Amino acid sequence: MPRPFIEGDIVRHTESKWTAMVVRCDGQTLLLEEDGCAADYSNLDDFELVTPVGGE
């Protein structure tokens, strides 16, 4: 099972392929920031990890 997303991770939407930084993830909802705008997403399965915080 993959680790949950954490603050600072870069994620990609699996269908539309846009990327954003994780601001917060409580295990059920992602708060993402892209170009200074933030939005909540409740379907974590729609996202994949691109770059974990710290770059590894």
C-alpha atoms as a PDB file:
ATOM      1  CA  MET A   1       0.000   0.000   0.000  1.00  0.00           C
ATOM      2  CA  PRO A   2       1.466   3.388  -0.962  1.00  0.00           C
ATOM      3  CA  ARG A   3       2.156   5.901   1.773  1.00  0.00           C
ATOM      4  CA  PRO A   4      -0.371   8.696   2.249  1.00  0.00           C
ATOM      5  CA  PHE A   5       0.388  12.034   0.653  1.00  0.00           C
ATOM      6  CA  ILE A   6       2.091  14.533   2.966  1.00  0.00           C
ATOM      7  CA  GLU A   7       2.669  18.280   2.951  1.00  0.00           C
ATOM      8  CA  GLY A   8       5.171  19.226   0.271  1.00  0.00           C
ATOM      9  CA  ASP A   9       4.567  16.236  -2.040  1.00  0.00           C
ATOM     10  CA  ILE A  10       3.970  17.011  -5.706  1.00  0.00           C
ATOM     11  CA  VAL A  11       1.038  15.025  -7.108  1.00  0.00           C
ATOM     12  CA  ARG A  12      -0.496  14.608 -10.579  1.00  0.00           C
ATOM     13  CA  HIS A  13      -4.154  14.165 -11.428  1.00  0.00           C
ATOM     14  CA  THR A  14      -4.314  10.778 -13.139  1.00  0.00           C
ATOM     15  CA  GLU A  15      -6.752  11.821 -15.896  1.00  0.00           C
ATOM     16  CA  SER A  16      -6.064  15.474 -16.702  1.00  0.00           C
ATOM     17  CA  LYS A  17      -2.328  15.254 -15.827  1.00  0.00           C
ATOM     18  CA  TRP A  18      -2.054  18.653 -14.043  1.00  0.00           C
ATOM     19  CA  THR A  19       0.293  18.779 -11.068  1.00  0.00           C
ATOM     20  CA  ALA A  20       0.039  20.526  -7.710  1.00  0.00           C
ATOM     21  CA  MET A  21       1.693  20.618  -4.301  1.00  0.00           C
ATOM     22  CA  VAL A  22       0.027  18.991  -1.305  1.00  0.00           C
ATOM     23  CA  VAL A  23      -0.733  21.566   1.404  1.00  0.00           C
ATOM     24  CA  ARG A  24      -2.559  19.106   3.684  1.00  0.00           C
ATOM     25  CA  CYS A  25      -3.846  15.529   3.572  1.00  0.00           C
ATOM     26  CA  ASP A  26      -5.936  14.036   6.355  1.00  0.00           C
ATOM     27  CA  GLY A  27      -6.296  10.637   4.686  1.00  0.00           C
ATOM     28  CA  GLN A  28      -9.685  11.486   3.158  1.00  0.00           C
ATOM     29  CA  THR A  29      -9.206  14.947   1.653  1.00  0.00           C
ATOM     30  CA  LEU A  30      -6.319  16.606  -0.155  1.00  0.00           C
ATOM     31  CA  LEU A  31      -5.751  20.344   0.012  1.00  0.00           C
ATOM     32  CA  LEU A  32      -3.674  21.197  -3.047  1.00  0.00           C
ATOM     33  CA  GLU A  33      -2.038  24.408  -4.207  1.00  0.00           C
ATOM     34  CA  GLU A  34      -1.307  25.259  -7.822  1.00  0.00           C
ATOM     35  CA  ASP A  35      -0.198  28.701  -9.018  1.00  0.00           C
ATOM     36  CA  GLY A  36      -1.214  30.337  -5.737  1.00  0.00           C
ATOM     37  CA  CYS A  37      -4.720  28.830  -5.691  1.00  0.00           C
ATOM     38  CA  ALA A  38      -5.802  26.147  -3.235  1.00  0.00           C
ATOM     39  CA  ALA A  39      -8.573  23.580  -3.576  1.00  0.00           C
ATOM     40  CA  ASP A  40      -9.868  20.541  -1.671  1.00  0.00           C
ATOM     41  CA  TYR A  41     -10.252  17.151  -3.348  1.00  0.00           C
ATOM     42  CA  SER A  42     -11.959  14.179  -1.735  1.00  0.00           C
ATOM     43  CA  ASN A  43     -11.049  11.403  -4.175  1.00  0.00           C
ATOM     44  CA  LEU A  44      -7.441  10.555  -3.345  1.00  0.00           C
ATOM     45  CA  ASP A  45      -7.489   7.771  -5.970  1.00  0.00           C
ATOM     46  CA  ASP A  46      -7.514  10.494  -8.664  1.00  0.00           C
ATOM     47  CA  PHE A  47      -3.924  11.461  -7.775  1.00  0.00           C
ATOM     48  CA  GLU A  48      -0.498   9.873  -8.054  1.00  0.00           C
ATOM     49  CA  LEU A  49       2.751  10.890  -6.426  1.00  0.00           C
ATOM     50  CA  VAL A  50       5.182  12.647  -8.790  1.00  0.00           C
ATOM     51  CA  THR A  51       7.849  13.959  -6.395  1.00  0.00           C
ATOM     52  CA  PRO A  52       7.834  13.235  -2.666  1.00  0.00           C
ATOM     53  CA  VAL A  53       8.755  15.997  -0.261  1.00  0.00           C
ATOM     54  CA  GLY A  54      12.542  16.119  -0.143  1.00  0.00           C
ATOM     55  CA  GLY A  55      12.829  14.972  -3.757  1.00  0.00           C
ATOM     56  CA  GLU A  56      13.509  11.254  -3.279  1.00  0.00           C
END
